[in-house]
N, C-alpha and C. Protein backbone atom coordinates (compact mmCIF):
# COMPACT_ATOMS: atom_id res chain seq x y z
N GLY A 1 -11.63 -7.15 -7.89
CA GLY A 1 -12.92 -7.98 -7.27
C GLY A 1 -13.74 -7.50 -8.57
N ALA A 2 -14.55 -7.93 -8.15
CA ALA A 2 -16.11 -7.91 -8.71
C ALA A 2 -16.58 -6.74 -8.38
N HIS A 3 -16.55 -5.68 -7.09
CA HIS A 3 -16.58 -4.23 -6.95
C HIS A 3 -15.53 -3.64 -7.26
N SER A 4 -14.69 -3.59 -8.14
CA SER A 4 -13.48 -2.43 -8.11
C SER A 4 -13.88 -1.26 -8.37
N LEU A 5 -14.70 -0.61 -9.25
CA LEU A 5 -15.13 0.55 -9.32
C LEU A 5 -15.95 1.22 -7.96
N GLU A 6 -16.65 0.39 -7.10
CA GLU A 6 -17.29 0.60 -5.99
C GLU A 6 -16.13 1.04 -4.84
N VAL A 7 -15.08 0.53 -4.96
CA VAL A 7 -14.28 0.00 -3.71
C VAL A 7 -13.34 1.75 -4.19
N LEU A 8 -12.77 1.24 -5.48
CA LEU A 8 -12.10 2.94 -5.83
C LEU A 8 -12.86 4.33 -5.72
N THR A 9 -14.33 4.42 -6.17
CA THR A 9 -15.07 5.75 -5.72
C THR A 9 -14.51 5.72 -4.14
N ILE A 10 -14.86 4.93 -3.23
CA ILE A 10 -15.11 5.32 -2.00
C ILE A 10 -14.01 5.59 -1.33
N LEU A 11 -12.58 5.02 -1.98
CA LEU A 11 -11.21 5.36 -1.54
C LEU A 11 -10.67 6.86 -2.03
N LEU A 12 -10.89 7.13 -3.55
CA LEU A 12 -11.26 8.69 -4.17
C LEU A 12 -11.58 9.41 -3.56
N SER A 13 -12.85 9.02 -2.79
CA SER A 13 -14.03 10.01 -2.37
C SER A 13 -13.59 10.41 -0.90
N LEU A 14 -12.89 9.46 -0.22
CA LEU A 14 -11.93 9.72 1.27
C LEU A 14 -11.28 10.70 1.12
N LYS A 15 -10.36 10.66 0.08
CA LYS A 15 -9.24 11.34 -0.51
C LYS A 15 -9.33 13.04 -0.91
N VAL A 16 -10.58 13.06 -1.39
CA VAL A 16 -11.10 14.13 -1.74
C VAL A 16 -11.68 14.60 -0.38
N ALA A 17 -12.56 14.26 0.07
CA ALA A 17 -12.92 14.58 1.44
C ALA A 17 -12.16 14.72 2.35
N HIS A 18 -10.76 14.65 2.62
CA HIS A 18 -10.06 14.35 3.63
C HIS A 18 -8.36 14.81 2.95
N PRO A 19 -8.19 15.58 2.47
CA PRO A 19 -7.08 15.27 1.67
C PRO A 19 -5.80 15.09 2.71
N HIS A 20 -5.77 15.53 3.64
CA HIS A 20 -4.70 16.06 4.27
C HIS A 20 -4.70 14.77 5.10
N ARG A 21 -5.98 14.03 5.80
CA ARG A 21 -5.67 12.73 6.55
C ARG A 21 -5.84 11.70 6.32
N VAL A 22 -6.20 11.48 4.46
CA VAL A 22 -6.07 9.93 4.00
C VAL A 22 -4.92 10.16 2.54
N ALA A 23 -4.39 9.12 2.90
CA ALA A 23 -3.08 8.67 1.80
C ALA A 23 -3.32 7.53 1.18
N LEU A 24 -3.27 7.68 0.04
CA LEU A 24 -3.68 6.28 -0.86
C LEU A 24 -1.98 6.10 -1.69
N LEU A 25 -1.67 4.50 -1.42
CA LEU A 25 -0.41 4.14 -1.77
C LEU A 25 -0.77 3.40 -3.08
N ARG A 26 0.19 3.36 -3.97
CA ARG A 26 -0.07 2.46 -5.21
C ARG A 26 0.26 1.46 -5.03
N GLY A 27 -0.78 0.46 -4.94
CA GLY A 27 -0.01 -0.91 -4.92
C GLY A 27 0.07 -1.51 -6.45
N GLN A 28 0.11 -3.40 -5.96
CA GLN A 28 -0.17 -3.94 -7.91
C GLN A 28 -1.00 -3.68 -8.35
N HIS A 29 -2.29 -3.63 -7.99
CA HIS A 29 -3.28 -3.85 -8.67
C HIS A 29 -3.43 -2.08 -9.32
N GLU A 30 -2.36 -1.27 -8.88
CA GLU A 30 -2.41 0.58 -9.74
C GLU A 30 -1.73 0.41 -10.17
N ASN A 31 -1.11 -0.60 -11.28
CA ASN A 31 -0.19 -1.47 -12.63
C ASN A 31 -1.07 -1.63 -13.68
N ARG A 32 -1.08 -0.85 -14.53
CA ARG A 32 -1.54 -0.67 -16.08
C ARG A 32 -1.83 -2.31 -16.43
N HIS A 33 -0.70 -2.89 -16.50
CA HIS A 33 -0.68 -4.13 -17.15
C HIS A 33 -0.94 -5.12 -15.97
N LEU A 34 -1.22 -4.99 -14.60
CA LEU A 34 -1.62 -6.11 -14.27
C LEU A 34 -3.23 -5.68 -13.99
N ASN A 35 -3.67 -4.83 -13.68
CA ASN A 35 -5.00 -4.30 -13.72
C ASN A 35 -5.61 -4.81 -14.60
N TYR A 36 -4.96 -4.27 -15.92
CA TYR A 36 -5.75 -4.97 -17.49
C TYR A 36 -6.18 -6.43 -16.95
N HIS A 37 -5.17 -7.14 -17.11
CA HIS A 37 -5.36 -8.64 -17.31
C HIS A 37 -5.97 -8.94 -16.08
N LEU A 38 -6.35 -8.31 -14.89
CA LEU A 38 -7.29 -8.77 -13.73
C LEU A 38 -8.60 -8.24 -13.80
N GLY A 39 -8.74 -7.44 -15.07
CA GLY A 39 -10.16 -7.49 -15.57
C GLY A 39 -10.88 -6.19 -15.21
N LEU A 40 -10.08 -4.86 -14.89
CA LEU A 40 -10.36 -3.64 -14.63
C LEU A 40 -11.12 -2.69 -16.15
N ARG A 41 -10.30 -3.20 -17.20
CA ARG A 41 -10.84 -2.66 -17.93
C ARG A 41 -12.07 -3.26 -18.26
N GLN A 42 -12.20 -4.20 -18.64
CA GLN A 42 -13.64 -5.26 -18.46
C GLN A 42 -14.49 -4.94 -17.97
N GLU A 43 -14.40 -4.54 -16.56
CA GLU A 43 -15.26 -4.35 -15.79
C GLU A 43 -15.95 -2.66 -15.99
N CYS A 44 -14.90 -1.81 -16.14
CA CYS A 44 -15.44 -1.00 -17.04
C CYS A 44 -16.17 -0.41 -17.92
N GLU A 45 -15.54 -1.28 -19.20
CA GLU A 45 -16.76 -1.68 -20.36
C GLU A 45 -17.90 -1.74 -20.05
N ARG A 46 -18.42 -3.23 -19.34
CA ARG A 46 -19.10 -4.15 -18.77
C ARG A 46 -20.26 -3.12 -17.81
N ARG A 47 -19.67 -2.00 -17.51
CA ARG A 47 -20.76 -1.79 -16.71
C ARG A 47 -20.73 -0.28 -16.84
N LEU A 48 -19.88 0.58 -17.42
CA LEU A 48 -20.49 1.77 -17.98
C LEU A 48 -20.40 2.11 -19.63
N GLY A 49 -20.13 0.89 -20.25
CA GLY A 49 -20.58 0.85 -21.73
C GLY A 49 -19.51 1.24 -22.38
N PRO A 50 -19.21 0.64 -23.68
CA PRO A 50 -17.95 1.12 -25.07
C PRO A 50 -17.50 2.43 -25.22
N ILE A 51 -18.19 3.38 -24.52
CA ILE A 51 -17.78 4.81 -24.46
C ILE A 51 -17.42 5.15 -23.61
N ASP A 52 -18.10 4.82 -22.04
CA ASP A 52 -17.26 5.60 -21.15
C ASP A 52 -16.35 4.61 -20.33
N GLY A 53 -16.66 3.35 -20.67
CA GLY A 53 -15.82 2.02 -19.91
C GLY A 53 -14.31 2.77 -20.19
N PRO A 54 -13.73 3.00 -21.47
CA PRO A 54 -12.85 2.56 -21.62
C PRO A 54 -11.75 4.31 -21.23
N LYS A 55 -12.62 5.21 -21.42
CA LYS A 55 -12.36 6.54 -20.91
C LYS A 55 -12.06 6.23 -19.37
N THR A 56 -12.93 5.72 -18.70
CA THR A 56 -12.88 5.29 -17.12
C THR A 56 -11.71 4.90 -16.79
N TYR A 57 -11.40 3.65 -17.33
CA TYR A 57 -10.12 2.86 -17.31
C TYR A 57 -8.84 3.89 -17.76
N GLU A 58 -8.74 4.49 -18.88
CA GLU A 58 -7.57 5.43 -18.85
C GLU A 58 -7.95 6.80 -17.54
N CYS A 59 -8.69 6.90 -17.64
CA CYS A 59 -8.71 8.11 -15.98
C CYS A 59 -8.38 7.64 -14.97
N LEU A 60 -8.96 6.11 -14.41
CA LEU A 60 -8.20 5.21 -13.18
C LEU A 60 -6.58 5.45 -13.11
N ASN A 61 -6.25 4.81 -14.23
CA ASN A 61 -4.75 4.85 -14.63
C ASN A 61 -3.93 5.66 -14.71
N LYS A 62 -4.84 6.81 -15.24
CA LYS A 62 -3.35 8.19 -15.16
C LYS A 62 -3.87 8.92 -13.49
N THR A 63 -4.80 8.41 -12.74
CA THR A 63 -4.83 9.17 -11.04
C THR A 63 -3.72 8.05 -10.71
N PHE A 64 -3.72 6.73 -10.91
CA PHE A 64 -2.72 5.78 -10.49
C PHE A 64 -1.03 6.42 -10.92
N GLU A 65 -1.37 6.83 -11.72
CA GLU A 65 0.38 7.62 -12.09
C GLU A 65 0.72 8.45 -11.03
N HIS A 66 -0.30 8.95 -10.67
CA HIS A 66 0.30 10.24 -9.57
C HIS A 66 -0.29 9.96 -7.73
N MET A 67 -0.12 8.46 -7.48
CA MET A 67 0.13 7.81 -6.71
C MET A 67 1.14 7.45 -5.98
N SER A 68 1.40 7.39 -4.81
CA SER A 68 2.69 7.75 -4.06
C SER A 68 3.48 5.76 -3.59
N LEU A 69 4.21 5.59 -3.89
CA LEU A 69 4.85 4.29 -3.99
C LEU A 69 4.38 3.84 -2.02
N ALA A 70 5.07 4.67 -1.67
CA ALA A 70 5.73 4.66 0.10
C ALA A 70 5.18 6.01 0.27
N ALA A 71 4.87 5.84 1.73
CA ALA A 71 5.24 6.88 2.85
C ALA A 71 5.80 6.59 4.33
N VAL A 72 6.18 7.43 4.83
CA VAL A 72 7.02 6.88 6.28
C VAL A 72 5.93 8.06 7.16
N VAL A 73 6.09 7.10 7.75
CA VAL A 73 4.75 7.55 9.10
C VAL A 73 5.32 7.60 10.63
N GLY A 74 4.87 9.38 10.88
CA GLY A 74 5.40 9.32 12.57
C GLY A 74 7.05 9.56 12.29
N GLY A 75 8.08 9.44 11.07
CA GLY A 75 9.34 9.30 10.94
C GLY A 75 10.02 8.09 11.32
N GLN A 76 9.25 7.03 11.75
CA GLN A 76 9.62 5.57 12.23
C GLN A 76 9.30 4.78 11.15
N ILE A 77 8.15 4.28 10.59
CA ILE A 77 7.73 3.63 9.73
C ILE A 77 7.07 3.64 8.41
N LEU A 78 7.92 2.97 7.61
CA LEU A 78 7.68 3.00 5.91
C LEU A 78 6.67 2.11 5.74
N VAL A 79 5.58 2.79 5.09
CA VAL A 79 4.84 1.74 4.48
C VAL A 79 4.75 1.73 3.09
N LEU A 80 4.60 0.86 2.25
CA LEU A 80 4.71 0.12 0.97
C LEU A 80 3.74 0.16 0.28
N GLY A 81 3.62 0.63 -0.55
CA GLY A 81 2.28 0.30 -1.57
C GLY A 81 2.14 -0.93 -1.85
N PRO A 82 2.98 -1.30 -2.64
CA PRO A 82 2.89 -2.73 -3.53
C PRO A 82 3.58 -3.57 -3.20
N ASN A 83 4.57 -4.02 -2.29
CA ASN A 83 5.42 -5.04 -2.12
C ASN A 83 6.08 -5.15 -0.96
N ALA A 84 6.61 -6.15 -0.33
CA ALA A 84 7.64 -5.93 0.81
C ALA A 84 8.97 -5.07 0.05
N LEU A 85 9.89 -4.98 1.27
CA LEU A 85 11.27 -4.29 0.77
C LEU A 85 11.81 -5.03 -0.56
N PRO A 86 11.89 -4.66 -1.29
CA PRO A 86 13.14 -5.37 -2.85
C PRO A 86 13.98 -5.03 -2.59
N PRO A 87 14.94 -5.91 -3.44
CA PRO A 87 16.46 -6.29 -2.85
C PRO A 87 17.26 -5.25 -3.06
N SER A 88 16.61 -4.86 -4.58
CA SER A 88 17.34 -3.71 -4.94
C SER A 88 17.77 -2.32 -4.60
N LEU A 89 16.31 -2.27 -3.49
CA LEU A 89 16.49 -0.79 -2.61
C LEU A 89 16.85 -0.84 -1.12
N THR A 90 18.22 -0.28 -1.70
CA THR A 90 19.10 0.12 -0.20
C THR A 90 18.90 1.26 0.67
N ARG A 91 18.44 2.30 -0.26
CA ARG A 91 18.29 3.73 0.70
C ARG A 91 16.82 4.29 0.39
N LEU A 92 16.56 5.01 1.19
CA LEU A 92 15.30 5.29 0.95
C LEU A 92 15.18 6.28 0.11
N ASP A 93 16.03 7.04 -0.24
CA ASP A 93 16.29 8.12 -0.83
C ASP A 93 16.27 7.79 -2.54
N GLN A 94 15.86 6.46 -2.79
CA GLN A 94 15.96 5.77 -4.45
C GLN A 94 14.29 6.06 -4.63
N LEU A 95 13.55 5.84 -3.66
CA LEU A 95 11.65 6.16 -3.53
C LEU A 95 11.58 7.72 -4.03
N ARG A 96 12.23 8.37 -3.47
CA ARG A 96 11.74 9.66 -3.49
C ARG A 96 12.37 10.21 -5.24
N ARG A 97 13.38 9.38 -5.96
CA ARG A 97 13.76 9.75 -7.68
C ARG A 97 12.63 9.57 -8.17
N TYR A 98 11.55 9.01 -8.09
CA TYR A 98 10.45 8.72 -8.99
C TYR A 98 9.71 10.19 -9.07
N LYS A 99 9.26 10.44 -10.36
CA LYS A 99 8.72 11.82 -10.59
C LYS A 99 7.33 10.97 -10.94
N LYS A 100 6.55 12.05 -10.76
CA LYS A 100 5.23 11.91 -11.00
C LYS A 100 4.66 12.23 -12.23
N PRO A 101 4.02 12.22 -13.03
CA PRO A 101 3.36 11.01 -13.20
C PRO A 101 4.34 9.68 -13.23
N LEU A 102 4.13 8.86 -12.94
CA LEU A 102 5.17 7.42 -13.10
C LEU A 102 4.47 6.39 -14.03
N VAL A 103 4.83 6.07 -14.81
CA VAL A 103 4.82 5.20 -15.90
C VAL A 103 5.60 3.86 -15.40
N LEU A 104 4.87 2.41 -15.23
CA LEU A 104 5.55 1.66 -14.80
C LEU A 104 6.00 0.52 -15.64
N PRO A 105 7.41 0.02 -15.75
CA PRO A 105 7.91 -0.45 -16.94
C PRO A 105 7.07 -2.20 -16.91
N HIS A 106 7.19 -2.95 -17.93
CA HIS A 106 6.63 -3.99 -18.14
C HIS A 106 7.34 -4.78 -17.85
N ALA A 107 7.52 -5.81 -17.60
CA ALA A 107 8.54 -7.01 -17.02
C ALA A 107 9.56 -7.71 -18.48
N LEU A 108 8.43 -7.57 -19.53
CA LEU A 108 8.61 -8.06 -20.62
C LEU A 108 9.10 -7.42 -21.68
N GLN A 109 9.29 -6.02 -21.41
CA GLN A 109 9.60 -5.02 -22.25
C GLN A 109 11.07 -4.72 -22.34
N SER A 110 11.82 -4.14 -23.20
CA SER A 110 12.82 -4.14 -23.57
C SER A 110 13.76 -3.15 -22.31
N ARG A 111 14.61 -3.73 -21.70
CA ARG A 111 15.53 -2.66 -20.56
C ARG A 111 16.10 -1.67 -20.75
N SER A 112 16.23 -0.73 -20.11
CA SER A 112 16.99 0.45 -19.93
C SER A 112 18.55 0.05 -20.04
N VAL A 113 19.08 1.08 -20.96
CA VAL A 113 20.61 0.57 -21.07
C VAL A 113 21.35 1.54 -19.99
N GLN A 114 20.91 2.65 -20.02
CA GLN A 114 22.17 3.33 -18.60
C GLN A 114 21.86 2.58 -16.86
N PRO A 115 23.00 2.80 -16.66
CA PRO A 115 22.76 2.11 -15.25
C PRO A 115 22.16 2.60 -14.19
N LEU A 116 21.88 3.79 -13.77
CA LEU A 116 20.94 4.56 -13.12
C LEU A 116 19.51 3.89 -13.42
N ASP A 117 19.29 4.13 -14.72
CA ASP A 117 17.74 3.64 -15.34
C ASP A 117 17.68 2.34 -14.99
N ARG A 118 18.64 1.34 -15.19
CA ARG A 118 18.26 -0.19 -14.77
C ARG A 118 17.76 -0.32 -13.35
N LEU A 119 18.58 0.30 -12.62
CA LEU A 119 18.42 0.17 -11.06
C LEU A 119 17.25 0.90 -10.87
N ASN A 120 16.83 1.63 -11.17
CA ASN A 120 15.19 2.67 -10.63
C ASN A 120 14.14 1.71 -11.77
N GLU A 121 14.59 0.86 -12.93
CA GLU A 121 13.60 -0.21 -13.49
C GLU A 121 13.79 -1.33 -12.60
N GLN A 122 14.86 -1.49 -11.94
CA GLN A 122 14.62 -2.76 -11.46
C GLN A 122 13.96 -3.00 -10.13
N ILE A 123 13.86 -1.53 -9.31
CA ILE A 123 13.09 -1.34 -7.97
C ILE A 123 11.68 -1.60 -8.73
N LEU A 124 11.48 -1.15 -9.93
CA LEU A 124 10.15 -0.92 -10.03
C LEU A 124 9.38 -2.35 -10.12
N LEU A 125 10.35 -2.69 -11.29
CA LEU A 125 9.60 -3.97 -11.19
C LEU A 125 9.49 -5.12 -10.39
N GLU A 126 10.78 -4.97 -9.22
CA GLU A 126 10.96 -5.75 -7.85
C GLU A 126 9.58 -5.54 -7.12
N LEU A 127 8.95 -4.01 -7.26
CA LEU A 127 7.72 -3.86 -6.48
C LEU A 127 6.57 -4.36 -7.35
N PHE A 128 6.60 -4.04 -8.17
CA PHE A 128 5.37 -4.00 -9.11
C PHE A 128 4.71 -5.49 -10.27
N THR A 129 6.01 -6.39 -10.21
CA THR A 129 5.62 -7.52 -11.10
C THR A 129 5.55 -8.54 -9.99
N PRO A 130 4.25 -9.62 -10.84
CA PRO A 130 3.95 -10.71 -9.74
C PRO A 130 4.83 -11.55 -9.71
N PRO A 131 5.02 -12.83 -9.53
CA PRO A 131 6.54 -13.85 -9.09
C PRO A 131 6.56 -14.28 -11.00
N ALA A 132 5.22 -14.73 -11.12
CA ALA A 132 4.87 -15.46 -12.23
C ALA A 132 5.47 -15.15 -13.56
N LEU A 133 5.10 -13.40 -13.41
CA LEU A 133 5.51 -12.60 -14.84
C LEU A 133 7.18 -12.08 -14.68
N MET A 134 7.95 -12.52 -13.37
CA MET A 134 9.13 -12.16 -13.38
C MET A 134 10.23 -12.70 -14.30
N PRO A 135 10.82 -12.07 -15.28
CA PRO A 135 12.01 -12.56 -16.27
C PRO A 135 12.64 -13.75 -15.30
N ARG A 136 12.68 -14.65 -15.92
CA ARG A 136 13.95 -15.64 -15.09
C ARG A 136 15.11 -15.00 -14.35
N GLU A 137 16.02 -14.12 -15.10
CA GLU A 137 17.38 -13.60 -14.62
C GLU A 137 17.06 -12.52 -13.58
N MET A 138 15.70 -12.03 -13.48
CA MET A 138 15.51 -11.51 -12.44
C MET A 138 14.55 -11.65 -11.14
N SER A 139 14.50 -13.12 -11.48
CA SER A 139 13.28 -13.47 -10.15
C SER A 139 14.50 -14.35 -9.12
N SER A 140 15.21 -14.31 -9.06
CA SER A 140 15.99 -14.77 -7.94
C SER A 140 15.44 -14.83 -6.70
N GLN A 141 15.48 -13.58 -6.60
CA GLN A 141 15.28 -13.05 -4.60
C GLN A 141 14.28 -11.65 -5.06
N ARG A 142 13.27 -12.42 -4.73
CA ARG A 142 11.67 -11.28 -4.93
C ARG A 142 11.67 -10.03 -3.97
N GLU A 143 12.02 -10.74 -2.84
CA GLU A 143 11.93 -9.61 -1.58
C GLU A 143 12.87 -9.55 -0.34
N ALA A 144 13.70 -8.71 -0.17
CA ALA A 144 14.53 -8.95 1.06
C ALA A 144 14.58 -9.83 1.65
N SER A 145 15.50 -10.25 2.44
CA SER A 145 15.68 -11.36 3.25
C SER A 145 15.62 -10.51 4.74
N ALA A 146 15.25 -11.36 5.93
CA ALA A 146 15.19 -10.79 7.27
C ALA A 146 16.32 -10.11 7.52
N GLU A 147 17.42 -10.39 7.27
CA GLU A 147 18.87 -9.32 7.56
C GLU A 147 18.41 -8.73 6.93
N GLN A 148 17.86 -8.42 5.60
CA GLN A 148 18.19 -7.11 4.92
C GLN A 148 17.32 -6.14 5.38
N VAL A 149 16.15 -6.80 5.77
CA VAL A 149 15.01 -5.84 6.61
C VAL A 149 15.76 -4.69 7.42
N LYS A 150 15.99 -6.15 8.45
CA LYS A 150 16.36 -5.20 9.93
C LYS A 150 17.46 -4.24 9.56
N SER A 151 18.42 -5.05 8.59
CA SER A 151 19.24 -3.74 8.22
C SER A 151 18.99 -2.36 7.53
N PHE A 152 18.17 -2.71 6.39
CA PHE A 152 17.72 -1.22 6.17
C PHE A 152 16.71 -0.16 6.89
N CYS A 153 15.97 -1.19 8.22
CA CYS A 153 15.55 -0.45 9.56
C CYS A 153 16.66 0.21 10.39
N SER A 154 17.59 -0.26 10.76
CA SER A 154 18.54 0.44 11.63
C SER A 154 19.38 1.35 10.76
N GLN A 155 19.75 1.33 9.24
CA GLN A 155 20.51 2.12 8.61
C GLN A 155 19.60 3.35 8.95
N HIS A 156 18.22 3.64 8.40
CA HIS A 156 17.15 4.66 8.25
C HIS A 156 16.42 4.75 9.43
N LYS A 157 17.06 4.41 10.38
CA LYS A 157 16.38 4.48 11.53
C LYS A 157 14.68 4.79 12.05
N LEU A 158 14.20 3.05 11.27
CA LEU A 158 12.88 2.96 10.96
C LEU A 158 12.67 1.88 12.23
N ALA A 159 11.37 1.63 12.70
CA ALA A 159 10.88 1.10 13.76
C ALA A 159 10.44 -0.39 12.54
N ALA A 160 9.82 0.19 11.75
CA ALA A 160 9.01 -1.25 10.83
C ALA A 160 8.92 -0.80 9.51
N ILE A 161 8.47 -1.67 8.62
CA ILE A 161 8.24 -1.69 7.51
C ILE A 161 6.90 -2.43 7.49
N VAL A 162 6.27 -1.60 6.70
CA VAL A 162 4.71 -2.28 6.62
C VAL A 162 4.38 -2.06 5.43
N ARG A 163 3.84 -3.48 4.86
CA ARG A 163 3.09 -4.15 3.68
C ARG A 163 1.79 -4.79 3.66
N SER A 164 1.55 -4.89 2.13
CA SER A 164 0.00 -5.14 2.54
C SER A 164 -0.16 -6.15 1.41
N ARG A 165 0.67 -6.51 0.35
CA ARG A 165 0.39 -7.59 -0.82
C ARG A 165 0.29 -9.02 -0.23
N GLN A 166 0.79 -9.60 0.72
CA GLN A 166 0.87 -10.88 1.06
C GLN A 166 -0.38 -11.19 1.77
N VAL A 167 -1.22 -11.98 1.95
CA VAL A 167 -2.56 -12.51 3.17
C VAL A 167 -2.13 -13.36 3.95
N PRO A 168 -1.55 -12.66 4.97
CA PRO A 168 -1.38 -13.61 6.09
C PRO A 168 -2.67 -13.87 7.12
N ALA A 169 -2.29 -15.17 7.56
CA ALA A 169 -3.55 -15.90 8.88
C ALA A 169 -3.95 -14.84 9.69
N ARG A 170 -5.02 -14.47 10.01
CA ARG A 170 -5.83 -13.69 10.80
C ARG A 170 -5.90 -11.87 10.49
N GLY A 171 -5.22 -12.16 9.19
CA GLY A 171 -5.14 -10.66 9.03
C GLY A 171 -3.92 -9.84 8.69
N PHE A 172 -2.77 -10.53 9.53
CA PHE A 172 -1.68 -9.61 9.55
C PHE A 172 -0.45 -10.58 10.01
N SER A 173 0.93 -9.97 10.27
CA SER A 173 1.56 -10.98 10.72
C SER A 173 3.25 -9.98 10.81
N PHE A 174 3.77 -10.57 11.96
CA PHE A 174 5.07 -9.60 12.58
C PHE A 174 6.09 -10.78 11.78
N ASP A 175 7.16 -10.19 10.89
CA ASP A 175 8.30 -10.91 10.15
C ASP A 175 9.66 -10.18 10.71
N ALA A 176 10.72 -10.76 10.73
CA ALA A 176 12.22 -10.23 10.39
C ALA A 176 11.91 -9.59 11.91
N GLY A 177 12.04 -10.05 12.71
CA GLY A 177 11.93 -9.86 14.12
C GLY A 177 10.88 -8.58 14.43
N GLY A 178 9.99 -8.69 13.98
CA GLY A 178 8.90 -7.80 14.29
C GLY A 178 9.22 -6.34 13.45
N ARG A 179 10.14 -6.01 12.61
CA ARG A 179 10.55 -5.03 11.45
C ARG A 179 9.84 -5.06 9.99
N LEU A 180 9.16 -6.41 10.14
CA LEU A 180 8.41 -6.68 8.97
C LEU A 180 6.78 -6.66 9.28
N ILE A 181 5.94 -5.96 8.94
CA ILE A 181 4.26 -6.12 9.80
C ILE A 181 3.98 -6.35 8.28
N THR A 182 2.65 -7.64 8.20
CA THR A 182 2.12 -7.77 6.84
C THR A 182 0.75 -7.32 7.46
N VAL A 183 -0.54 -6.40 6.40
CA VAL A 183 -1.66 -6.16 7.08
C VAL A 183 -2.68 -6.79 5.46
N THR A 184 -3.66 -6.62 6.27
CA THR A 184 -4.60 -7.02 4.39
C THR A 184 -6.01 -6.86 5.39
N SER A 185 -6.74 -6.57 4.65
CA SER A 185 -8.28 -5.97 5.23
C SER A 185 -8.95 -6.90 4.38
N CYS A 186 -8.25 -8.05 3.30
CA CYS A 186 -9.01 -8.50 2.84
C CYS A 186 -8.98 -10.38 3.17
N VAL A 187 -9.13 -10.49 4.09
CA VAL A 187 -8.74 -11.77 4.73
C VAL A 187 -9.21 -13.20 3.91
N ASP A 188 -10.13 -13.01 2.86
CA ASP A 188 -11.16 -13.77 2.02
C ASP A 188 -10.59 -13.47 1.14
N TYR A 189 -9.76 -13.04 0.73
CA TYR A 189 -9.11 -13.06 -0.80
C TYR A 189 -8.71 -13.86 -1.26
N CYS A 190 -9.23 -14.18 -2.79
CA CYS A 190 -8.94 -15.67 -3.47
C CYS A 190 -9.55 -16.55 -3.23
N ASP A 191 -10.62 -16.34 -2.26
CA ASP A 191 -11.46 -17.58 -1.65
C ASP A 191 -10.49 -18.23 -0.63
N LEU A 192 -9.52 -17.64 -0.23
CA LEU A 192 -8.83 -18.30 1.02
C LEU A 192 -9.64 -19.10 2.29
N PRO A 193 -9.42 -20.55 2.75
CA PRO A 193 -10.62 -21.18 3.79
C PRO A 193 -10.79 -20.00 4.98
N ASP A 194 -11.79 -20.86 5.60
CA ASP A 194 -12.09 -19.73 6.80
C ASP A 194 -10.95 -19.84 7.62
N GLY A 195 -10.97 -18.70 8.47
CA GLY A 195 -9.87 -18.78 9.63
C GLY A 195 -8.85 -18.52 9.00
N ASN A 196 -8.50 -17.67 7.89
CA ASN A 196 -6.92 -16.92 7.16
C ASN A 196 -7.53 -15.22 7.92
C-alpha cells in the first residue's frame, strides 16, 4: 500500500522491542518477486532517494528471507504466513526443512531436477505465487480442500489452521468445519465495498 515503509517500521520496531512476544511471519508480500511488482522498490526510491532507496529495499528483502513461514501457537494452532494450506504440504515437518535465509523460487524460473528439491520448491510456489502467475501445469489446485485441511489437522493434532491472505466479509471466516480460520486486519483492501 501507500504506507508500506511505515507499516514495516512499526512491525519491525515491535519485534525489536518485544522479541519474545511478537512473531512476524513471512507472507506473500515478503517475496522479492511480488513486492517489486507491487511497488515496494519504487516507494523506497521515491521516498528515500536513488541511493538509500535501493539499499533499503535490499535490506528489507534480506530481512524477509529470515522470517518464518509458519508458527504453531500453543501446540494446537498452525498459523501460515503466506496462504492457506498448500496441497503439496502433507506433513508439518516439511516446513521445518527450509533453512534461513530462504530465497523464494520464481514461478517462471526453471525448476529443480532433484525430486526432494522439486517438492520443497512446489510447496513454496503454492504458498507464495499469486494464482495469475502460477504456471498452468501447477495451478489445478491452489490450496488444500476442506477434507485435506481436516485430515491435516487430525494427523498433526491441530485444532485449526489460521491464514491471512484472503479478505473475508467482516474480516474473518471459519471454513472446513471450523478448522480453517481466515483473518485480515485490512477489510478495505483493494477498495472492497463497505461492509466487508
